[in-house]
Amino acid sequence: MTSQLKTALLLGALTALILLIGQATGGRQGLYFAFFIALAMNLGSYWFSDKIVLAMYRARELAPEDAPGVHAMLAELAGRAGIPTPRLFLIPQEAPNAFATGRDPKHAVVAVTAGIMRLLSPEELRGVLAHELSHVKNRDILVQSIAAVLAGVIMILANIIKWGALFGFGRRSDEEGGNPLAALALAIVGPIAAMLIQMAISRSREYLADATGAKISGTPLALAGALGKLDAYARRIPMQASPTTENMFIVNPFSGRSLANLFSTHPPVEERIERLRQMAAGR
């Protein structure tokens, strides 16, 4: 199954979950209200995501004269990807990592840490930049925002149901044709399912960015080598990062394997490397 198809199916699963909760509650008005609130909140986040996350990590823009080699590399890869060259920012942290943000290719930003600039070879850094440009090309910020809107609707509906249960929700739902027991069950299970689906979408987009990035750069093994180094250093030098932005980075910015793969926003690095090696071998 391709990453694009998997993403579409997972977004469909989030939508179906919303419809199930809406049917169980028996109230369309609450469903529409929840959707509007979640849409407004996440549109704001989507529109200003670059400014928010760059300020969070105290990133500063790198002028061409500050890093001419990296700027030239970024421009060359953006040309190969068929997108405008993003702005380049530096995060003042030693933990090696990188991410891309921006609401569309015309407003994209690629941010790299000071540590990644020192750790990777030029060819490996080129592979990382190609990966991040793939997120821009594939409009992953938009995909993640849509998933966040749908998950936000589920969270709001679940809270409405839980509070409604304290004030006679079950009796009113019976009158309106809803199923209060099913609604309460979905209010408990729904947010957990939504979180797992969001994480699965994030993992699927990482696989897609690896594959697209390898095609853009033409050097899958360079990206594979970079991922191996970044994963190893992430265990030794944990990044000062917020869990809310974990999915943005090329590798999990937190050290160790304290969470099961099911609850990770990133696929296992070993699997990502193996896929890239298979690409290099032409399989």
C-alpha atoms as a PDB file:
ATOM      1  CA  MET A   1       0.000   0.000   0.000  1.00  0.00           C
ATOM      2  CA  THR A   2       1.414   3.413  -0.956  1.00  0.00           C
ATOM      3  CA  SER A   3       1.872   6.135   1.664  1.00  0.00           C
ATOM      4  CA  GLN A   4      -0.574   8.403  -0.172  1.00  0.00           C
ATOM      5  CA  LEU A   5      -3.310   5.737  -0.181  1.00  0.00           C
ATOM      6  CA  LYS A   6      -2.634   4.874   3.449  1.00  0.00           C
ATOM      7  CA  THR A   7      -2.961   8.545   4.413  1.00  0.00           C
ATOM      8  CA  ALA A   8      -6.284   8.821   2.555  1.00  0.00           C
ATOM      9  CA  LEU A   9      -7.629   5.720   4.308  1.00  0.00           C
ATOM     10  CA  LEU A  10      -6.532   6.989   7.719  1.00  0.00           C
ATOM     11  CA  LEU A  11      -8.156  10.389   7.132  1.00  0.00           C
ATOM     12  CA  GLY A  12     -11.275   8.500   6.072  1.00  0.00           C
ATOM     13  CA  ALA A  13     -11.139   6.554   9.345  1.00  0.00           C
ATOM     14  CA  LEU A  14     -11.037   9.814  11.324  1.00  0.00           C
ATOM     15  CA  THR A  15     -14.048  11.107   9.371  1.00  0.00           C
ATOM     16  CA  ALA A  16     -15.948   7.862   9.942  1.00  0.00           C
ATOM     17  CA  LEU A  17     -15.224   8.086  13.666  1.00  0.00           C
ATOM     18  CA  ILE A  18     -16.725  11.581  13.751  1.00  0.00           C
ATOM     19  CA  LEU A  19     -19.858  10.372  11.957  1.00  0.00           C
ATOM     20  CA  LEU A  20     -20.201   7.450  14.377  1.00  0.00           C
ATOM     21  CA  ILE A  21     -20.004   9.753  17.390  1.00  0.00           C
ATOM     22  CA  GLY A  22     -22.427  12.187  15.752  1.00  0.00           C
ATOM     23  CA  GLN A  23     -24.924   9.422  15.041  1.00  0.00           C
ATOM     24  CA  ALA A  24     -24.621   8.058  18.588  1.00  0.00           C
ATOM     25  CA  THR A  25     -25.268  11.464  20.137  1.00  0.00           C
ATOM     26  CA  GLY A  26     -28.166  12.123  17.788  1.00  0.00           C
ATOM     27  CA  GLY A  27     -27.373  15.823  17.510  1.00  0.00           C
ATOM     28  CA  ARG A  28     -26.092  17.377  14.289  1.00  0.00           C
ATOM     29  CA  GLN A  29     -25.869  20.858  15.771  1.00  0.00           C
ATOM     30  CA  GLY A  30     -23.266  19.719  18.270  1.00  0.00           C
ATOM     31  CA  LEU A  31     -21.342  18.018  15.497  1.00  0.00           C
ATOM     32  CA  TYR A  32     -21.323  21.165  13.345  1.00  0.00           C
ATOM     33  CA  PHE A  33     -20.329  23.306  16.334  1.00  0.00           C
ATOM     34  CA  ALA A  34     -17.425  21.022  17.213  1.00  0.00           C
ATOM     35  CA  PHE A  35     -16.233  20.964  13.618  1.00  0.00           C
ATOM     36  CA  PHE A  36     -16.330  24.767  13.382  1.00  0.00           C
ATOM     37  CA  ILE A  37     -14.366  25.241  16.622  1.00  0.00           C
ATOM     38  CA  ALA A  38     -11.717  22.677  15.661  1.00  0.00           C
ATOM     39  CA  LEU A  39     -11.441  24.133  12.158  1.00  0.00           C
ATOM     40  CA  ALA A  40     -10.963  27.678  13.474  1.00  0.00           C
ATOM     41  CA  MET A  41      -8.326  26.593  15.998  1.00  0.00           C
ATOM     42  CA  ASN A  42      -6.322  24.529  13.554  1.00  0.00           C
ATOM     43  CA  LEU A  43      -6.564  27.014  10.698  1.00  0.00           C
ATOM     44  CA  GLY A  44      -4.912  29.537  12.987  1.00  0.00           C
ATOM     45  CA  SER A  45      -2.203  27.036  13.814  1.00  0.00           C
ATOM     46  CA  TYR A  46      -1.764  26.133  10.136  1.00  0.00           C
ATOM     47  CA  TRP A  47      -1.536  29.761   9.034  1.00  0.00           C
ATOM     48  CA  PHE A  48       0.992  30.805  11.673  1.00  0.00           C
ATOM     49  CA  SER A  49       2.756  27.468  12.278  1.00  0.00           C
ATOM     50  CA  ASP A  50       6.093  28.642  10.900  1.00  0.00           C
ATOM     51  CA  LYS A  51       6.240  31.731  13.122  1.00  0.00           C
ATOM     52  CA  ILE A  52       5.127  29.816  16.224  1.00  0.00           C
ATOM     53  CA  VAL A  53       7.583  26.936  15.956  1.00  0.00           C
ATOM     54  CA  LEU A  54      10.541  29.100  14.879  1.00  0.00           C
ATOM     55  CA  ALA A  55       9.999  31.398  17.865  1.00  0.00           C
ATOM     56  CA  MET A  56       9.660  28.356  20.139  1.00  0.00           C
ATOM     57  CA  TYR A  57      13.132  27.136  19.147  1.00  0.00           C
ATOM     58  CA  ARG A  58      14.729  30.610  18.961  1.00  0.00           C
ATOM     59  CA  ALA A  59      15.664  29.940  15.344  1.00  0.00           C
ATOM     60  CA  ARG A  60      17.339  32.683  13.312  1.00  0.00           C
ATOM     61  CA  GLU A  61      17.388  33.033   9.563  1.00  0.00           C
ATOM     62  CA  LEU A  62      20.659  32.240   7.835  1.00  0.00           C
ATOM     63  CA  ALA A  63      21.623  34.653   5.084  1.00  0.00           C
ATOM     64  CA  PRO A  64      23.342  33.256   1.977  1.00  0.00           C
ATOM     65  CA  GLU A  65      26.679  34.651   3.161  1.00  0.00           C
ATOM     66  CA  ASP A  66      26.284  32.859   6.520  1.00  0.00           C
ATOM     67  CA  ALA A  67      26.086  29.396   4.941  1.00  0.00           C
ATOM     68  CA  PRO A  68      26.716  29.664   1.183  1.00  0.00           C
ATOM     69  CA  GLY A  69      27.219  25.916   0.699  1.00  0.00           C
ATOM     70  CA  VAL A  70      23.954  24.972   2.398  1.00  0.00           C
ATOM     71  CA  HIS A  71      22.039  27.698   0.562  1.00  0.00           C
ATOM     72  CA  ALA A  72      23.399  26.503  -2.775  1.00  0.00           C
ATOM     73  CA  MET A  73      22.486  22.911  -1.884  1.00  0.00           C
ATOM     74  CA  LEU A  74      18.958  23.933  -0.855  1.00  0.00           C
ATOM     75  CA  ALA A  75      18.406  25.934  -4.054  1.00  0.00           C
ATOM     76  CA  GLU A  76      19.650  23.078  -6.239  1.00  0.00           C
ATOM     77  CA  LEU A  77      17.414  20.523  -4.525  1.00  0.00           C
ATOM     78  CA  ALA A  78      14.381  22.839  -4.595  1.00  0.00           C
ATOM     79  CA  GLY A  79      14.905  23.210  -8.339  1.00  0.00           C
ATOM     80  CA  ARG A  80      14.995  19.427  -8.728  1.00  0.00           C
ATOM     81  CA  ALA A  81      11.814  19.167  -6.636  1.00  0.00           C
ATOM     82  CA  GLY A  82      10.065  21.843  -8.695  1.00  0.00           C
ATOM     83  CA  ILE A  83       9.273  24.113  -5.743  1.00  0.00           C
ATOM     84  CA  PRO A  84      10.441  27.595  -4.651  1.00  0.00           C
ATOM     85  CA  THR A  85      13.574  27.650  -2.505  1.00  0.00           C
ATOM     86  CA  PRO A  86      12.510  27.821   1.180  1.00  0.00           C
ATOM     87  CA  ARG A  87      14.093  30.150   3.696  1.00  0.00           C
ATOM     88  CA  LEU A  88      16.822  28.568   5.820  1.00  0.00           C
ATOM     89  CA  PHE A  89      16.868  28.868   9.626  1.00  0.00           C
ATOM     90  CA  LEU A  90      19.351  27.762  12.285  1.00  0.00           C
ATOM     91  CA  ILE A  91      18.264  26.334  15.653  1.00  0.00           C
ATOM     92  CA  PRO A  92      20.941  26.981  18.319  1.00  0.00           C
ATOM     93  CA  GLN A  93      21.050  23.429  19.714  1.00  0.00           C
ATOM     94  CA  GLU A  94      23.727  20.749  19.579  1.00  0.00           C
ATOM     95  CA  ALA A  95      21.267  17.877  19.178  1.00  0.00           C
ATOM     96  CA  PRO A  96      21.359  17.108  15.420  1.00  0.00           C
ATOM     97  CA  ASN A  97      17.938  17.410  13.801  1.00  0.00           C
ATOM     98  CA  ALA A  98      15.920  19.297  11.182  1.00  0.00           C
ATOM     99  CA  PHE A  99      12.337  20.087  10.194  1.00  0.00           C
ATOM    100  CA  ALA A 100      10.298  21.891   7.553  1.00  0.00           C
ATOM    101  CA  THR A 101       7.283  24.099   8.118  1.00  0.00           C
ATOM    102  CA  GLY A 102       5.156  26.680   6.324  1.00  0.00           C
ATOM    103  CA  ARG A 103       1.593  26.674   5.028  1.00  0.00           C
ATOM    104  CA  ASP A 104       2.540  26.086   1.369  1.00  0.00           C
ATOM    105  CA  PRO A 105       5.630  25.837  -0.866  1.00  0.00           C
ATOM    106  CA  LYS A 106       5.729  29.618  -1.352  1.00  0.00           C
ATOM    107  CA  HIS A 107       5.962  30.193   2.416  1.00  0.00           C
ATOM    108  CA  ALA A 108       8.128  27.222   3.363  1.00  0.00           C
ATOM    109  CA  VAL A 109      10.967  27.163   5.868  1.00  0.00           C
ATOM    110  CA  VAL A 110      13.656  24.554   6.453  1.00  0.00           C
ATOM    111  CA  ALA A 111      15.262  24.662   9.893  1.00  0.00           C
ATOM    112  CA  VAL A 112      18.438  22.814  10.898  1.00  0.00           C
ATOM    113  CA  THR A 113      20.201  22.615  14.239  1.00  0.00           C
ATOM    114  CA  ALA A 114      23.784  23.700  14.761  1.00  0.00           C
ATOM    115  CA  GLY A 115      24.600  20.111  15.675  1.00  0.00           C
ATOM    116  CA  ILE A 116      23.427  18.628  12.384  1.00  0.00           C
ATOM    117  CA  MET A 117      25.588  21.081  10.447  1.00  0.00           C
ATOM    118  CA  ARG A 118      28.664  19.775  12.251  1.00  0.00           C
ATOM    119  CA  LEU A 119      27.768  16.078  12.390  1.00  0.00           C
ATOM    120  CA  LEU A 120      26.829  15.183   8.821  1.00  0.00           C
ATOM    121  CA  SER A 121      28.928  15.061   5.696  1.00  0.00           C
ATOM    122  CA  PRO A 122      27.833  17.380   2.850  1.00  0.00           C
ATOM    123  CA  GLU A 123      26.251  14.432   1.006  1.00  0.00           C
ATOM    124  CA  GLU A 124      24.332  13.317   4.110  1.00  0.00           C
ATOM    125  CA  LEU A 125      23.162  16.870   4.814  1.00  0.00           C
ATOM    126  CA  ARG A 126      21.995  17.076   1.210  1.00  0.00           C
ATOM    127  CA  GLY A 127      19.911  13.947   1.803  1.00  0.00           C
ATOM    128  CA  VAL A 128      18.334  15.494   4.910  1.00  0.00           C
ATOM    129  CA  LEU A 129      17.508  18.720   3.057  1.00  0.00           C
ATOM    130  CA  ALA A 130      15.912  16.679   0.255  1.00  0.00           C
ATOM    131  CA  HIS A 131      13.791  14.862   2.861  1.00  0.00           C
ATOM    132  CA  GLU A 132      12.583  18.158   4.323  1.00  0.00           C
ATOM    133  CA  LEU A 133      11.856  19.594   0.880  1.00  0.00           C
ATOM    134  CA  SER A 134       9.756  16.493   0.248  1.00  0.00           C
ATOM    135  CA  HIS A 135       7.523  17.435   3.166  1.00  0.00           C
ATOM    136  CA  VAL A 136       7.038  20.812   1.473  1.00  0.00           C
ATOM    137  CA  LYS A 137       6.450  19.276  -1.968  1.00  0.00           C
ATOM    138  CA  ASN A 138       3.989  16.704  -0.579  1.00  0.00           C
ATOM    139  CA  ARG A 139       2.154  19.405   1.431  1.00  0.00           C
ATOM    140  CA  ASP A 140       2.493  17.453   4.639  1.00  0.00           C
ATOM    141  CA  ILE A 141       1.758  20.508   6.798  1.00  0.00           C
ATOM    142  CA  LEU A 142      -1.680  20.681   5.130  1.00  0.00           C
ATOM    143  CA  VAL A 143      -2.257  16.938   5.566  1.00  0.00           C
ATOM    144  CA  GLN A 144      -1.302  17.106   9.247  1.00  0.00           C
ATOM    145  CA  SER A 145      -3.552  20.147   9.715  1.00  0.00           C
ATOM    146  CA  ILE A 146      -6.545  18.305   8.223  1.00  0.00           C
ATOM    147  CA  ALA A 147      -5.853  15.374  10.540  1.00  0.00           C
ATOM    148  CA  ALA A 148      -5.606  17.781  13.479  1.00  0.00           C
ATOM    149  CA  VAL A 149      -8.970  19.355  12.605  1.00  0.00           C
ATOM    150  CA  LEU A 150     -10.686  15.963  12.452  1.00  0.00           C
ATOM    151  CA  ALA A 151      -9.029  14.767  15.668  1.00  0.00           C
ATOM    152  CA  GLY A 152      -9.951  18.067  17.319  1.00  0.00           C
ATOM    153  CA  VAL A 153     -13.608  17.552  16.435  1.00  0.00           C
ATOM    154  CA  ILE A 154     -13.485  14.107  18.058  1.00  0.00           C
ATOM    155  CA  MET A 155     -11.910  15.534  21.229  1.00  0.00           C
ATOM    156  CA  ILE A 156     -14.513  18.304  21.481  1.00  0.00           C
ATOM    157  CA  LEU A 157     -17.423  15.922  20.878  1.00  0.00           C
ATOM    158  CA  ALA A 158     -16.028  13.501  23.449  1.00  0.00           C
ATOM    159  CA  ASN A 159     -15.864  16.280  26.044  1.00  0.00           C
ATOM    160  CA  ILE A 160     -19.399  17.428  25.192  1.00  0.00           C
ATOM    161  CA  ILE A 161     -20.669  13.871  25.673  1.00  0.00           C
ATOM    162  CA  LYS A 162     -18.842  13.444  28.996  1.00  0.00           C
ATOM    163  CA  TRP A 163     -20.153  16.716  30.375  1.00  0.00           C
ATOM    164  CA  GLY A 164     -23.608  16.058  28.951  1.00  0.00           C
ATOM    165  CA  ALA A 165     -23.728  12.729  30.783  1.00  0.00           C
ATOM    166  CA  LEU A 166     -23.479  14.633  34.057  1.00  0.00           C
ATOM    167  CA  PHE A 167     -26.542  16.742  33.195  1.00  0.00           C
ATOM    168  CA  GLY A 168     -29.102  14.273  31.902  1.00  0.00           C
ATOM    169  CA  PHE A 169     -27.494  13.605  28.503  1.00  0.00           C
ATOM    170  CA  GLY A 170     -28.820  10.028  28.344  1.00  0.00           C
ATOM    171  CA  ARG A 171     -32.493  10.997  28.730  1.00  0.00           C
ATOM    172  CA  ARG A 172     -32.366  13.684  26.031  1.00  0.00           C
ATOM    173  CA  SER A 173     -30.474  11.431  23.653  1.00  0.00           C
ATOM    174  CA  ASP A 174     -33.175   8.759  23.954  1.00  0.00           C
ATOM    175  CA  GLU A 175     -35.761  11.321  22.941  1.00  0.00           C
ATOM    176  CA  GLU A 176     -33.708  12.405  19.925  1.00  0.00           C
ATOM    177  CA  GLY A 177     -33.037   8.883  18.731  1.00  0.00           C
ATOM    178  CA  GLY A 178     -29.411   8.697  19.849  1.00  0.00           C
ATOM    179  CA  ASN A 179     -27.669   5.880  21.652  1.00  0.00           C
ATOM    180  CA  PRO A 180     -26.280   7.242  24.936  1.00  0.00           C
ATOM    181  CA  LEU A 181     -24.355   4.104  25.883  1.00  0.00           C
ATOM    182  CA  ALA A 182     -22.662   3.935  22.481  1.00  0.00           C
ATOM    183  CA  ALA A 183     -21.940   7.663  22.655  1.00  0.00           C
ATOM    184  CA  LEU A 184     -20.277   7.349  26.063  1.00  0.00           C
ATOM    185  CA  ALA A 185     -18.208   4.382  24.855  1.00  0.00           C
ATOM    186  CA  LEU A 186     -17.095   6.340  21.796  1.00  0.00           C
ATOM    187  CA  ALA A 187     -16.311   9.358  23.978  1.00  0.00           C
ATOM    188  CA  ILE A 188     -13.774   7.204  25.809  1.00  0.00           C
ATOM    189  CA  VAL A 189     -12.390   5.199  22.897  1.00  0.00           C
ATOM    190  CA  GLY A 190     -12.648   7.914  20.217  1.00  0.00           C
ATOM    191  CA  PRO A 191      -9.861  10.252  21.403  1.00  0.00           C
ATOM    192  CA  ILE A 192      -7.463   7.315  21.824  1.00  0.00           C
ATOM    193  CA  ALA A 193      -8.281   6.041  18.343  1.00  0.00           C
ATOM    194  CA  ALA A 194      -7.888   9.541  16.912  1.00  0.00           C
ATOM    195  CA  MET A 195      -4.442   9.895  18.517  1.00  0.00           C
ATOM    196  CA  LEU A 196      -3.305   6.541  17.109  1.00  0.00           C
ATOM    197  CA  ILE A 197      -4.593   7.442  13.637  1.00  0.00           C
ATOM    198  CA  GLN A 198      -2.792  10.800  13.751  1.00  0.00           C
ATOM    199  CA  MET A 199       0.446   9.036  14.653  1.00  0.00           C
ATOM    200  CA  ALA A 200      -0.062   6.524  11.854  1.00  0.00           C
ATOM    201  CA  ILE A 201      -0.557   9.393   9.396  1.00  0.00           C
ATOM    202  CA  SER A 202       2.663  11.011  10.633  1.00  0.00           C
ATOM    203  CA  ARG A 203       4.598   7.763  10.174  1.00  0.00           C
ATOM    204  CA  SER A 204       3.166   7.301   6.682  1.00  0.00           C
ATOM    205  CA  ARG A 205       4.236  10.817   5.673  1.00  0.00           C
ATOM    206  CA  GLU A 206       7.773  10.148   6.974  1.00  0.00           C
ATOM    207  CA  TYR A 207       8.084   7.074   4.759  1.00  0.00           C
ATOM    208  CA  LEU A 208       6.813   9.117   1.816  1.00  0.00           C
ATOM    209  CA  ALA A 209       9.271  11.954   2.529  1.00  0.00           C
ATOM    210  CA  ASP A 210      12.157   9.463   2.690  1.00  0.00           C
ATOM    211  CA  ALA A 211      11.205   7.987  -0.690  1.00  0.00           C
ATOM    212  CA  THR A 212      10.585  11.363  -2.338  1.00  0.00           C
ATOM    213  CA  GLY A 213      13.733  12.843  -0.803  1.00  0.00           C
ATOM    214  CA  ALA A 214      15.835   9.951  -2.071  1.00  0.00           C
ATOM    215  CA  LYS A 215      14.478  10.533  -5.592  1.00  0.00           C
ATOM    216  CA  ILE A 216      15.126  14.280  -5.414  1.00  0.00           C
ATOM    217  CA  SER A 217      18.693  13.892  -4.168  1.00  0.00           C
ATOM    218  CA  GLY A 218      19.441  10.773  -6.197  1.00  0.00           C
ATOM    219  CA  THR A 219      21.393   9.327  -3.257  1.00  0.00           C
ATOM    220  CA  PRO A 220      19.213   7.082  -1.036  1.00  0.00           C
ATOM    221  CA  LEU A 221      22.257   5.737   0.824  1.00  0.00           C
ATOM    222  CA  ALA A 222      23.327   9.240   1.870  1.00  0.00           C
ATOM    223  CA  LEU A 223      19.936   9.799   3.518  1.00  0.00           C
ATOM    224  CA  ALA A 224      20.132   6.324   5.076  1.00  0.00           C
ATOM    225  CA  GLY A 225      23.535   7.156   6.544  1.00  0.00           C
ATOM    226  CA  ALA A 226      22.244  10.463   7.873  1.00  0.00           C
ATOM    227  CA  LEU A 227      19.263   8.783   9.563  1.00  0.00           C
ATOM    228  CA  GLY A 228      21.571   6.277  11.256  1.00  0.00           C
ATOM    229  CA  LYS A 229      23.791   9.027  12.655  1.00  0.00           C
ATOM    230  CA  LEU A 230      20.870  11.216  13.739  1.00  0.00           C
ATOM    231  CA  ASP A 231      19.135   8.352  15.531  1.00  0.00           C
ATOM    232  CA  ALA A 232      22.320   7.381  17.367  1.00  0.00           C
ATOM    233  CA  TYR A 233      23.003  10.935  18.504  1.00  0.00           C
ATOM    234  CA  ALA A 234      19.363  11.506  19.530  1.00  0.00           C
ATOM    235  CA  ARG A 235      19.867   8.820  22.178  1.00  0.00           C
ATOM    236  CA  ARG A 236      22.970  10.554  23.541  1.00  0.00           C
ATOM    237  CA  ILE A 237      22.012  14.209  23.095  1.00  0.00           C
ATOM    238  CA  PRO A 238      18.260  14.664  23.654  1.00  0.00           C
ATOM    239  CA  MET A 239      16.882  17.824  22.126  1.00  0.00           C
ATOM    240  CA  GLN A 240      15.230  20.567  24.144  1.00  0.00           C
ATOM    241  CA  ALA A 241      11.947  20.164  22.308  1.00  0.00           C
ATOM    242  CA  SER A 242       8.206  20.268  22.876  1.00  0.00           C
ATOM    243  CA  PRO A 243       6.221  17.024  22.481  1.00  0.00           C
ATOM    244  CA  THR A 244       3.661  18.979  20.445  1.00  0.00           C
ATOM    245  CA  THR A 245       6.242  19.462  17.657  1.00  0.00           C
ATOM    246  CA  GLU A 246       7.786  15.979  17.832  1.00  0.00           C
ATOM    247  CA  ASN A 247       6.262  14.871  14.530  1.00  0.00           C
ATOM    248  CA  MET A 248       7.899  17.744  12.624  1.00  0.00           C
ATOM    249  CA  PHE A 249      11.502  16.580  13.033  1.00  0.00           C
ATOM    250  CA  ILE A 250      13.280  14.159  10.702  1.00  0.00           C
ATOM    251  CA  VAL A 251      14.002  11.834  13.655  1.00  0.00           C
ATOM    252  CA  ASN A 252      12.357  11.668  17.064  1.00  0.00           C
ATOM    253  CA  PRO A 253      14.023  14.469  19.066  1.00  0.00           C
ATOM    254  CA  PHE A 254      13.700  12.572  22.348  1.00  0.00           C
ATOM    255  CA  SER A 255      16.271   9.998  23.375  1.00  0.00           C
ATOM    256  CA  GLY A 256      15.698   6.323  24.073  1.00  0.00           C
ATOM    257  CA  ARG A 257      12.799   4.014  23.292  1.00  0.00           C
ATOM    258  CA  SER A 258      10.553   4.781  26.225  1.00  0.00           C
ATOM    259  CA  LEU A 259       7.441   4.606  24.040  1.00  0.00           C
ATOM    260  CA  ALA A 260       6.281   1.670  22.007  1.00  0.00           C
ATOM    261  CA  ASN A 261       6.368   2.063  18.227  1.00  0.00           C
ATOM    262  CA  LEU A 262       2.573   2.190  18.240  1.00  0.00           C
ATOM    263  CA  PHE A 263       2.709   5.478  20.154  1.00  0.00           C
ATOM    264  CA  SER A 264       5.536   7.045  18.135  1.00  0.00           C
ATOM    265  CA  THR A 265       5.097   9.765  15.530  1.00  0.00           C
ATOM    266  CA  HIS A 266       8.082   8.328  13.628  1.00  0.00           C
ATOM    267  CA  PRO A 267       8.588   4.932  11.999  1.00  0.00           C
ATOM    268  CA  PRO A 268      11.493   2.835  13.328  1.00  0.00           C
ATOM    269  CA  VAL A 269      14.712   4.245  11.875  1.00  0.00           C
ATOM    270  CA  GLU A 270      15.906   0.720  11.064  1.00  0.00           C
ATOM    271  CA  GLU A 271      12.902   0.209   8.765  1.00  0.00           C
ATOM    272  CA  ARG A 272      13.432   3.593   7.117  1.00  0.00           C
ATOM    273  CA  ILE A 273      17.080   2.768   6.443  1.00  0.00           C
ATOM    274  CA  GLU A 274      16.191  -0.652   5.037  1.00  0.00           C
ATOM    275  CA  ARG A 275      13.658   0.872   2.638  1.00  0.00           C
ATOM    276  CA  LEU A 276      16.262   3.370   1.418  1.00  0.00           C
ATOM    277  CA  ARG A 277      18.794   0.591   0.895  1.00  0.00           C
ATOM    278  CA  GLN A 278      16.236  -1.309  -1.165  1.00  0.00           C
ATOM    279  CA  MET A 279      15.676   1.829  -3.259  1.00  0.00           C
ATOM    280  CA  ALA A 280      19.433   2.108  -3.840  1.00  0.00           C
ATOM    281  CA  ALA A 281      19.535  -1.534  -4.896  1.00  0.00           C
ATOM    282  CA  GLY A 282      16.718  -0.916  -7.353  1.00  0.00           C
ATOM    283  CA  ARG A 283      14.184  -3.172  -5.636  1.00  0.00           C
END
